[in-house]
Amino acid sequence: MNLLSVMSSIQSQINSAGTGTGAQTDIMDTVGTALNVVFGIVAIIAVVMIVIGGVSYATSQGDPGKVKKGKDTIMYGIIGMVIALLAFAIVNFVFKGL
């Protein structure tokens, strides 16, 4: 048996159960909401890191080590923000397809 047939079998068992699609929709909505909250928190943390990096960069007074640390913090904050936004988009795309 391949993975697709197993998933199809599980889906048919869920649909034929007495719960109907109402319970399945409730669970999917709850999971989707929880994931959106997590992605929102990650995005807020990324913005805070960008601000911290900006303050560190602005107060470095030309010290090459502090300038590099500030730039790296800003870059990693932006990377974190992009990853959070992509994860949010992927999860919402998948949940809309179900």
PDB file of N, CA and C in Angstrom:
ATOM      1  N   MET A   1       0.846  -1.183   0.000  1.00  0.00           N
ATOM      2  CA  MET A   1       0.000   0.000   0.000  1.00  0.00           C
ATOM      3  C   MET A   1       0.883   1.235   0.000  1.00  0.00           C
ATOM      4  N   ASN A   2       0.506   2.172  -0.824  1.00  0.00           N
ATOM      5  CA  ASN A   2       1.270   3.411  -0.806  1.00  0.00           C
ATOM      6  C   ASN A   2       0.591   4.427   0.104  1.00  0.00           C
ATOM      7  N   LEU A   3       1.265   5.525   0.308  1.00  0.00           N
ATOM      8  CA  LEU A   3       0.802   6.547   1.253  1.00  0.00           C
ATOM      9  C   LEU A   3      -0.531   7.151   0.808  1.00  0.00           C
ATOM     10  N   LEU A   4      -0.705   7.314  -0.499  1.00  0.00           N
ATOM     11  CA  LEU A   4      -1.942   7.919  -0.997  1.00  0.00           C
ATOM     12  C   LEU A   4      -3.150   7.045  -0.696  1.00  0.00           C
ATOM     13  N   SER A   5      -3.012   5.738  -0.855  1.00  0.00           N
ATOM     14  CA  SER A   5      -4.139   4.856  -0.576  1.00  0.00           C
ATOM     15  C   SER A   5      -4.433   4.796   0.922  1.00  0.00           C
ATOM     16  N   VAL A   6      -3.381   4.863   1.744  1.00  0.00           N
ATOM     17  CA  VAL A   6      -3.587   4.880   3.193  1.00  0.00           C
ATOM     18  C   VAL A   6      -4.331   6.143   3.599  1.00  0.00           C
ATOM     19  N   MET A   7      -3.900   7.292   3.065  1.00  0.00           N
ATOM     20  CA  MET A   7      -4.557   8.556   3.384  1.00  0.00           C
ATOM     21  C   MET A   7      -6.014   8.552   2.901  1.00  0.00           C
ATOM     22  N   SER A   8      -6.248   7.992   1.720  1.00  0.00           N
ATOM     23  CA  SER A   8      -7.606   7.900   1.197  1.00  0.00           C
ATOM     24  C   SER A   8      -8.474   7.017   2.082  1.00  0.00           C
ATOM     25  N   SER A   9      -7.908   5.921   2.550  1.00  0.00           N
ATOM     26  CA  SER A   9      -8.635   5.021   3.439  1.00  0.00           C
ATOM     27  C   SER A   9      -8.983   5.709   4.758  1.00  0.00           C
ATOM     28  N   ILE A  10      -8.028   6.430   5.304  1.00  0.00           N
ATOM     29  CA  ILE A  10      -8.276   7.144   6.559  1.00  0.00           C
ATOM     30  C   ILE A  10      -9.348   8.201   6.362  1.00  0.00           C
ATOM     31  N   GLN A  11      -9.270   8.934   5.243  1.00  0.00           N
ATOM     32  CA  GLN A  11     -10.262   9.975   4.968  1.00  0.00           C
ATOM     33  C   GLN A  11     -11.656   9.378   4.803  1.00  0.00           C
ATOM     34  N   SER A  12     -11.767   8.242   4.137  1.00  0.00           N
ATOM     35  CA  SER A  12     -13.084   7.625   3.972  1.00  0.00           C
ATOM     36  C   SER A  12     -13.632   7.118   5.301  1.00  0.00           C
ATOM     37  N   GLN A  13     -12.751   6.634   6.193  1.00  0.00           N
ATOM     38  CA  GLN A  13     -13.202   6.195   7.511  1.00  0.00           C
ATOM     39  C   GLN A  13     -13.671   7.384   8.340  1.00  0.00           C
ATOM     40  N   ILE A  14     -12.983   8.498   8.225  1.00  0.00           N
ATOM     41  CA  ILE A  14     -13.405   9.695   8.952  1.00  0.00           C
ATOM     42  C   ILE A  14     -14.755  10.169   8.440  1.00  0.00           C
ATOM     43  N   ASN A  15     -14.929  10.178   7.130  1.00  0.00           N
ATOM     44  CA  ASN A  15     -16.191  10.650   6.550  1.00  0.00           C
ATOM     45  C   ASN A  15     -17.345   9.713   6.852  1.00  0.00           C
ATOM     46  N   SER A  16     -17.070   8.403   6.962  1.00  0.00           N
ATOM     47  CA  SER A  16     -18.154   7.461   7.218  1.00  0.00           C
ATOM     48  C   SER A  16     -18.476   7.336   8.707  1.00  0.00           C
ATOM     49  N   ALA A  17     -17.633   7.916   9.558  1.00  0.00           N
ATOM     50  CA  ALA A  17     -17.889   7.862  11.000  1.00  0.00           C
ATOM     51  C   ALA A  17     -19.121   8.697  11.328  1.00  0.00           C
ATOM     52  N   GLY A  18     -19.644   8.487  12.486  1.00  0.00           N
ATOM     53  CA  GLY A  18     -20.857   9.180  12.892  1.00  0.00           C
ATOM     54  C   GLY A  18     -20.663  10.659  13.163  1.00  0.00           C
ATOM     55  N   THR A  19     -19.429  11.135  13.192  1.00  0.00           N
ATOM     56  CA  THR A  19     -19.188  12.538  13.503  1.00  0.00           C
ATOM     57  C   THR A  19     -19.532  13.457  12.348  1.00  0.00           C
ATOM     58  N   GLY A  20     -19.496  12.974  11.126  1.00  0.00           N
ATOM     59  CA  GLY A  20     -19.784  13.823   9.982  1.00  0.00           C
ATOM     60  C   GLY A  20     -18.651  14.799   9.741  1.00  0.00           C
ATOM     61  N   THR A  21     -18.917  15.797   8.924  1.00  0.00           N
ATOM     62  CA  THR A  21     -17.862  16.758   8.605  1.00  0.00           C
ATOM     63  C   THR A  21     -17.830  17.910   9.594  1.00  0.00           C
ATOM     64  N   GLY A  22     -18.839  18.049  10.430  1.00  0.00           N
ATOM     65  CA  GLY A  22     -18.870  19.149  11.383  1.00  0.00           C
ATOM     66  C   GLY A  22     -17.730  19.095  12.372  1.00  0.00           C
ATOM     67  N   ALA A  23     -17.489  17.924  12.953  1.00  0.00           N
ATOM     68  CA  ALA A  23     -16.409  17.781  13.926  1.00  0.00           C
ATOM     69  C   ALA A  23     -15.049  17.943  13.260  1.00  0.00           C
ATOM     70  N   GLN A  24     -14.941  17.421  12.029  1.00  0.00           N
ATOM     71  CA  GLN A  24     -13.680  17.550  11.315  1.00  0.00           C
ATOM     72  C   GLN A  24     -13.397  19.021  11.005  1.00  0.00           C
ATOM     73  N   THR A  25     -14.400  19.762  10.627  1.00  0.00           N
ATOM     74  CA  THR A  25     -14.227  21.180  10.338  1.00  0.00           C
ATOM     75  C   THR A  25     -13.849  21.939  11.598  1.00  0.00           C
ATOM     76  N   ASP A  26     -14.470  21.605  12.725  1.00  0.00           N
ATOM     77  CA  ASP A  26     -14.133  22.266  13.986  1.00  0.00           C
ATOM     78  C   ASP A  26     -12.672  22.038  14.365  1.00  0.00           C
ATOM     79  N   ILE A  27     -12.213  20.802  14.202  1.00  0.00           N
ATOM     80  CA  ILE A  27     -10.825  20.484  14.525  1.00  0.00           C
ATOM     81  C   ILE A  27      -9.884  21.240  13.598  1.00  0.00           C
ATOM     82  N   MET A  28     -10.197  21.270  12.313  1.00  0.00           N
ATOM     83  CA  MET A  28      -9.347  21.972  11.350  1.00  0.00           C
ATOM     84  C   MET A  28      -9.312  23.471  11.644  1.00  0.00           C
ATOM     85  N   ASP A  29     -10.450  24.037  12.019  1.00  0.00           N
ATOM     86  CA  ASP A  29     -10.483  25.455  12.364  1.00  0.00           C
ATOM     87  C   ASP A  29      -9.645  25.735  13.608  1.00  0.00           C
ATOM     88  N   THR A  30      -9.749  24.855  14.595  1.00  0.00           N
ATOM     89  CA  THR A  30      -8.980  25.031  15.827  1.00  0.00           C
ATOM     90  C   THR A  30      -7.480  24.934  15.560  1.00  0.00           C
ATOM     91  N   VAL A  31      -7.073  23.942  14.797  1.00  0.00           N
ATOM     92  CA  VAL A  31      -5.659  23.772  14.466  1.00  0.00           C
ATOM     93  C   VAL A  31      -5.172  24.960  13.637  1.00  0.00           C
ATOM     94  N   GLY A  32      -5.970  25.384  12.670  1.00  0.00           N
ATOM     95  CA  GLY A  32      -5.596  26.530  11.846  1.00  0.00           C
ATOM     96  C   GLY A  32      -5.437  27.799  12.667  1.00  0.00           C
ATOM     97  N   THR A  33      -6.359  28.026  13.588  1.00  0.00           N
ATOM     98  CA  THR A  33      -6.270  29.203  14.452  1.00  0.00           C
ATOM     99  C   THR A  33      -5.030  29.137  15.343  1.00  0.00           C
ATOM    100  N   ALA A  34      -4.761  27.971  15.911  1.00  0.00           N
ATOM    101  CA  ALA A  34      -3.584  27.815  16.770  1.00  0.00           C
ATOM    102  C   ALA A  34      -2.301  28.070  15.986  1.00  0.00           C
ATOM    103  N   LEU A  35      -2.217  27.533  14.771  1.00  0.00           N
ATOM    104  CA  LEU A  35      -1.023  27.756  13.956  1.00  0.00           C
ATOM    105  C   LEU A  35      -0.884  29.222  13.565  1.00  0.00           C
ATOM    106  N   ASN A  36      -1.987  29.883  13.256  1.00  0.00           N
ATOM    107  CA  ASN A  36      -1.919  31.303  12.922  1.00  0.00           C
ATOM    108  C   ASN A  36      -1.433  32.132  14.109  1.00  0.00           C
ATOM    109  N   VAL A  37      -1.842  31.764  15.308  1.00  0.00           N
ATOM    110  CA  VAL A  37      -1.369  32.466  16.500  1.00  0.00           C
ATOM    111  C   VAL A  37       0.134  32.258  16.669  1.00  0.00           C
ATOM    112  N   VAL A  38       0.596  31.031  16.477  1.00  0.00           N
ATOM    113  CA  VAL A  38       2.027  30.741  16.595  1.00  0.00           C
ATOM    114  C   VAL A  38       2.818  31.536  15.561  1.00  0.00           C
ATOM    115  N   PHE A  39       2.332  31.567  14.318  1.00  0.00           N
ATOM    116  CA  PHE A  39       3.031  32.322  13.282  1.00  0.00           C
ATOM    117  C   PHE A  39       3.016  33.816  13.584  1.00  0.00           C
ATOM    118  N   GLY A  40       1.942  34.313  14.173  1.00  0.00           N
ATOM    119  CA  GLY A  40       1.879  35.714  14.568  1.00  0.00           C
ATOM    120  C   GLY A  40       2.898  36.042  15.639  1.00  0.00           C
ATOM    121  N   ILE A  41       3.036  35.150  16.609  1.00  0.00           N
ATOM    122  CA  ILE A  41       4.027  35.357  17.680  1.00  0.00           C
ATOM    123  C   ILE A  41       5.443  35.339  17.100  1.00  0.00           C
ATOM    124  N   VAL A  42       5.708  34.410  16.184  1.00  0.00           N
ATOM    125  CA  VAL A  42       7.026  34.350  15.549  1.00  0.00           C
ATOM    126  C   VAL A  42       7.300  35.632  14.767  1.00  0.00           C
ATOM    127  N   ALA A  43       6.295  36.157  14.081  1.00  0.00           N
ATOM    128  CA  ALA A  43       6.463  37.397  13.323  1.00  0.00           C
ATOM    129  C   ALA A  43       6.742  38.579  14.259  1.00  0.00           C
ATOM    130  N   ILE A  44       6.060  38.621  15.383  1.00  0.00           N
ATOM    131  CA  ILE A  44       6.298  39.704  16.356  1.00  0.00           C
ATOM    132  C   ILE A  44       7.721  39.614  16.896  1.00  0.00           C
ATOM    133  N   ILE A  45       8.184  38.401  17.195  1.00  0.00           N
ATOM    134  CA  ILE A  45       9.552  38.219  17.676  1.00  0.00           C
ATOM    135  C   ILE A  45      10.551  38.669  16.610  1.00  0.00           C
ATOM    136  N   ALA A  46      10.260  38.367  15.337  1.00  0.00           N
ATOM    137  CA  ALA A  46      11.155  38.782  14.254  1.00  0.00           C
ATOM    138  C   ALA A  46      11.231  40.300  14.164  1.00  0.00           C
ATOM    139  N   VAL A  47      10.093  40.977  14.305  1.00  0.00           N
ATOM    140  CA  VAL A  47      10.089  42.446  14.265  1.00  0.00           C
ATOM    141  C   VAL A  47      10.881  43.009  15.443  1.00  0.00           C
ATOM    142  N   VAL A  48      10.711  42.430  16.609  1.00  0.00           N
ATOM    143  CA  VAL A  48      11.464  42.886  17.783  1.00  0.00           C
ATOM    144  C   VAL A  48      12.965  42.707  17.544  1.00  0.00           C
ATOM    145  N   MET A  49      13.358  41.587  16.945  1.00  0.00           N
ATOM    146  CA  MET A  49      14.777  41.364  16.665  1.00  0.00           C
ATOM    147  C   MET A  49      15.303  42.377  15.653  1.00  0.00           C
ATOM    148  N   ILE A  50      14.492  42.744  14.672  1.00  0.00           N
ATOM    149  CA  ILE A  50      14.910  43.758  13.702  1.00  0.00           C
ATOM    150  C   ILE A  50      15.123  45.095  14.408  1.00  0.00           C
ATOM    151  N   VAL A  51      14.224  45.450  15.304  1.00  0.00           N
ATOM    152  CA  VAL A  51      14.365  46.699  16.058  1.00  0.00           C
ATOM    153  C   VAL A  51      15.609  46.655  16.947  1.00  0.00           C
ATOM    154  N   ILE A  52      15.828  45.550  17.634  1.00  0.00           N
ATOM    155  CA  ILE A  52      17.019  45.411  18.482  1.00  0.00           C
ATOM    156  C   ILE A  52      18.286  45.533  17.643  1.00  0.00           C
ATOM    157  N   GLY A  53      18.291  44.894  16.479  1.00  0.00           N
ATOM    158  CA  GLY A  53      19.448  45.000  15.586  1.00  0.00           C
ATOM    159  C   GLY A  53      19.666  46.420  15.104  1.00  0.00           C
ATOM    160  N   GLY A  54      18.578  47.132  14.819  1.00  0.00           N
ATOM    161  CA  GLY A  54      18.693  48.527  14.401  1.00  0.00           C
ATOM    162  C   GLY A  54      19.251  49.403  15.494  1.00  0.00           C
ATOM    163  N   VAL A  55      18.797  49.212  16.711  1.00  0.00           N
ATOM    164  CA  VAL A  55      19.316  49.987  17.840  1.00  0.00           C
ATOM    165  C   VAL A  55      20.790  49.646  18.069  1.00  0.00           C
ATOM    166  N   SER A  56      21.132  48.380  17.986  1.00  0.00           N
ATOM    167  CA  SER A  56      22.526  47.963  18.157  1.00  0.00           C
ATOM    168  C   SER A  56      23.404  48.570  17.065  1.00  0.00           C
ATOM    169  N   TYR A  57      22.921  48.593  15.849  1.00  0.00           N
ATOM    170  CA  TYR A  57      23.669  49.167  14.727  1.00  0.00           C
ATOM    171  C   TYR A  57      23.834  50.679  14.904  1.00  0.00           C
ATOM    172  N   ALA A  58      22.757  51.347  15.333  1.00  0.00           N
ATOM    173  CA  ALA A  58      22.794  52.798  15.488  1.00  0.00           C
ATOM    174  C   ALA A  58      23.696  53.235  16.645  1.00  0.00           C
ATOM    175  N   THR A  59      23.812  52.414  17.658  1.00  0.00           N
ATOM    176  CA  THR A  59      24.615  52.786  18.825  1.00  0.00           C
ATOM    177  C   THR A  59      26.004  52.153  18.809  1.00  0.00           C
ATOM    178  N   SER A  60      26.417  51.618  17.669  1.00  0.00           N
ATOM    179  CA  SER A  60      27.708  50.927  17.603  1.00  0.00           C
ATOM    180  C   SER A  60      28.898  51.878  17.618  1.00  0.00           C
ATOM    181  N   GLN A  61      28.697  53.134  17.292  1.00  0.00           N
ATOM    182  CA  GLN A  61      29.748  54.152  17.291  1.00  0.00           C
ATOM    183  C   GLN A  61      30.936  53.754  16.418  1.00  0.00           C
ATOM    184  N   GLY A  62      30.667  53.066  15.332  1.00  0.00           N
ATOM    185  CA  GLY A  62      31.718  52.733  14.385  1.00  0.00           C
ATOM    186  C   GLY A  62      32.548  51.521  14.738  1.00  0.00           C
ATOM    187  N   ASP A  63      32.286  50.874  15.856  1.00  0.00           N
ATOM    188  CA  ASP A  63      33.024  49.670  16.236  1.00  0.00           C
ATOM    189  C   ASP A  63      32.651  48.543  15.269  1.00  0.00           C
ATOM    190  N   PRO A  64      33.625  48.022  14.508  1.00  0.00           N
ATOM    191  CA  PRO A  64      33.303  47.015  13.482  1.00  0.00           C
ATOM    192  C   PRO A  64      32.594  45.774  14.040  1.00  0.00           C
ATOM    193  N   GLY A  65      32.937  45.344  15.226  1.00  0.00           N
ATOM    194  CA  GLY A  65      32.280  44.170  15.815  1.00  0.00           C
ATOM    195  C   GLY A  65      30.816  44.425  16.112  1.00  0.00           C
ATOM    196  N   LYS A  66      30.528  45.605  16.663  1.00  0.00           N
ATOM    197  CA  LYS A  66      29.139  45.940  16.982  1.00  0.00           C
ATOM    198  C   LYS A  66      28.324  46.211  15.715  1.00  0.00           C
ATOM    199  N   VAL A  67      28.970  46.814  14.702  1.00  0.00           N
ATOM    200  CA  VAL A  67      28.276  47.050  13.427  1.00  0.00           C
ATOM    201  C   VAL A  67      27.888  45.720  12.797  1.00  0.00           C
ATOM    202  N   LYS A  68      28.827  44.770  12.782  1.00  0.00           N
ATOM    203  CA  LYS A  68      28.536  43.449  12.208  1.00  0.00           C
ATOM    204  C   LYS A  68      27.441  42.750  12.998  1.00  0.00           C
ATOM    205  N   LYS A  69      27.490  42.837  14.319  1.00  0.00           N
ATOM    206  CA  LYS A  69      26.467  42.200  15.149  1.00  0.00           C
ATOM    207  C   LYS A  69      25.095  42.804  14.862  1.00  0.00           C
ATOM    208  N   GLY A  70      25.017  44.122  14.739  1.00  0.00           N
ATOM    209  CA  GLY A  70      23.747  44.783  14.438  1.00  0.00           C
ATOM    210  C   GLY A  70      23.207  44.389  13.078  1.00  0.00           C
ATOM    211  N   LYS A  71      24.082  44.384  12.058  1.00  0.00           N
ATOM    212  CA  LYS A  71      23.659  43.989  10.709  1.00  0.00           C
ATOM    213  C   LYS A  71      23.195  42.537  10.685  1.00  0.00           C
ATOM    214  N   ASP A  72      23.934  41.668  11.372  1.00  0.00           N
ATOM    215  CA  ASP A  72      23.545  40.250  11.410  1.00  0.00           C
ATOM    216  C   ASP A  72      22.194  40.064  12.103  1.00  0.00           C
ATOM    217  N   THR A  73      21.960  40.801  13.182  1.00  0.00           N
ATOM    218  CA  THR A  73      20.683  40.688  13.891  1.00  0.00           C
ATOM    219  C   THR A  73      19.539  41.140  12.996  1.00  0.00           C
ATOM    220  N   ILE A  74      19.742  42.234  12.266  1.00  0.00           N
ATOM    221  CA  ILE A  74      18.708  42.706  11.342  1.00  0.00           C
ATOM    222  C   ILE A  74      18.459  41.663  10.252  1.00  0.00           C
ATOM    223  N   MET A  75      19.540  41.114   9.689  1.00  0.00           N
ATOM    224  CA  MET A  75      19.390  40.129   8.624  1.00  0.00           C
ATOM    225  C   MET A  75      18.655  38.880   9.116  1.00  0.00           C
ATOM    226  N   TYR A  76      19.036  38.392  10.291  1.00  0.00           N
ATOM    227  CA  TYR A  76      18.378  37.192  10.815  1.00  0.00           C
ATOM    228  C   TYR A  76      16.919  37.470  11.179  1.00  0.00           C
ATOM    229  N   GLY A  77      16.617  38.669  11.634  1.00  0.00           N
ATOM    230  CA  GLY A  77      15.234  39.044  11.894  1.00  0.00           C
ATOM    231  C   GLY A  77      14.409  39.045  10.624  1.00  0.00           C
ATOM    232  N   ILE A  78      14.982  39.564   9.539  1.00  0.00           N
ATOM    233  CA  ILE A  78      14.275  39.577   8.254  1.00  0.00           C
ATOM    234  C   ILE A  78      14.080  38.155   7.741  1.00  0.00           C
ATOM    235  N   ILE A  79      15.101  37.323   7.879  1.00  0.00           N
ATOM    236  CA  ILE A  79      14.968  35.922   7.457  1.00  0.00           C
ATOM    237  C   ILE A  79      13.870  35.227   8.262  1.00  0.00           C
ATOM    238  N   GLY A  80      13.830  35.478   9.561  1.00  0.00           N
ATOM    239  CA  GLY A  80      12.778  34.903  10.395  1.00  0.00           C
ATOM    240  C   GLY A  80      11.395  35.362   9.979  1.00  0.00           C
ATOM    241  N   MET A  81      11.270  36.642   9.632  1.00  0.00           N
ATOM    242  CA  MET A  81       9.990  37.183   9.182  1.00  0.00           C
ATOM    243  C   MET A  81       9.555  36.521   7.871  1.00  0.00           C
ATOM    244  N   VAL A  82      10.481  36.359   6.944  1.00  0.00           N
ATOM    245  CA  VAL A  82      10.152  35.725   5.665  1.00  0.00           C
ATOM    246  C   VAL A  82       9.723  34.276   5.884  1.00  0.00           C
ATOM    247  N   ILE A  83      10.436  33.560   6.733  1.00  0.00           N
ATOM    248  CA  ILE A  83      10.071  32.163   7.007  1.00  0.00           C
ATOM    249  C   ILE A  83       8.694  32.083   7.656  1.00  0.00           C
ATOM    250  N   ALA A  84       8.403  32.986   8.595  1.00  0.00           N
ATOM    251  CA  ALA A  84       7.087  32.985   9.249  1.00  0.00           C
ATOM    252  C   ALA A  84       5.981  33.287   8.246  1.00  0.00           C
ATOM    253  N   LEU A  85       6.200  34.236   7.358  1.00  0.00           N
ATOM    254  CA  LEU A  85       5.181  34.567   6.355  1.00  0.00           C
ATOM    255  C   LEU A  85       4.971  33.425   5.365  1.00  0.00           C
ATOM    256  N   LEU A  86       6.069  32.788   4.945  1.00  0.00           N
ATOM    257  CA  LEU A  86       5.925  31.650   4.033  1.00  0.00           C
ATOM    258  C   LEU A  86       5.214  30.477   4.706  1.00  0.00           C
ATOM    259  N   ALA A  87       5.541  30.213   5.960  1.00  0.00           N
ATOM    260  CA  ALA A  87       4.868  29.128   6.682  1.00  0.00           C
ATOM    261  C   ALA A  87       3.377  29.430   6.831  1.00  0.00           C
ATOM    262  N   PHE A  88       3.053  30.685   7.144  1.00  0.00           N
ATOM    263  CA  PHE A  88       1.660  31.102   7.257  1.00  0.00           C
ATOM    264  C   PHE A  88       0.930  30.885   5.935  1.00  0.00           C
ATOM    265  N   ALA A  89       1.550  31.282   4.832  1.00  0.00           N
ATOM    266  CA  ALA A  89       0.926  31.131   3.520  1.00  0.00           C
ATOM    267  C   ALA A  89       0.738  29.657   3.153  1.00  0.00           C
ATOM    268  N   ILE A  90       1.743  28.841   3.418  1.00  0.00           N
ATOM    269  CA  ILE A  90       1.649  27.419   3.086  1.00  0.00           C
ATOM    270  C   ILE A  90       0.560  26.735   3.898  1.00  0.00           C
ATOM    271  N   VAL A  91       0.527  26.997   5.196  1.00  0.00           N
ATOM    272  CA  VAL A  91      -0.478  26.352   6.052  1.00  0.00           C
ATOM    273  C   VAL A  91      -1.883  26.781   5.637  1.00  0.00           C
ATOM    274  N   ASN A  92      -2.084  28.054   5.366  1.00  0.00           N
ATOM    275  CA  ASN A  92      -3.414  28.514   4.954  1.00  0.00           C
ATOM    276  C   ASN A  92      -3.792  27.932   3.585  1.00  0.00           C
ATOM    277  N   PHE A  93      -2.835  27.793   2.692  1.00  0.00           N
ATOM    278  CA  PHE A  93      -3.115  27.169   1.384  1.00  0.00           C
ATOM    279  C   PHE A  93      -3.540  25.720   1.549  1.00  0.00           C
ATOM    280  N   VAL A  94      -2.839  24.995   2.404  1.00  0.00           N
ATOM    281  CA  VAL A  94      -3.167  23.582   2.620  1.00  0.00           C
ATOM    282  C   VAL A  94      -4.527  23.433   3.289  1.00  0.00           C
ATOM    283  N   PHE A  95      -4.807  24.275   4.312  1.00  0.00           N
ATOM    284  CA  PHE A  95      -6.083  24.159   4.998  1.00  0.00           C
ATOM    285  C   PHE A  95      -7.259  24.540   4.121  1.00  0.00           C
ATOM    286  N   LYS A  96      -7.077  25.456   3.197  1.00  0.00           N
ATOM    287  CA  LYS A  96      -8.165  25.814   2.282  1.00  0.00           C
ATOM    288  C   LYS A  96      -8.416  24.696   1.275  1.00  0.00           C
ATOM    289  N   GLY A  97      -7.398  23.898   0.990  1.00  0.00           N
ATOM    290  CA  GLY A  97      -7.555  22.790   0.072  1.00  0.00           C
ATOM    291  C   GLY A  97      -8.233  21.574   0.679  1.00  0.00           C
ATOM    292  N   LEU A  98      -8.311  21.501   1.998  1.00  0.00           N
ATOM    293  CA  LEU A  98      -8.927  20.347   2.654  1.00  0.00           C
ATOM    294  C   LEU A  98     -10.407  20.506   2.784  1.00  0.00           C
TER     295      LEU A  98
END
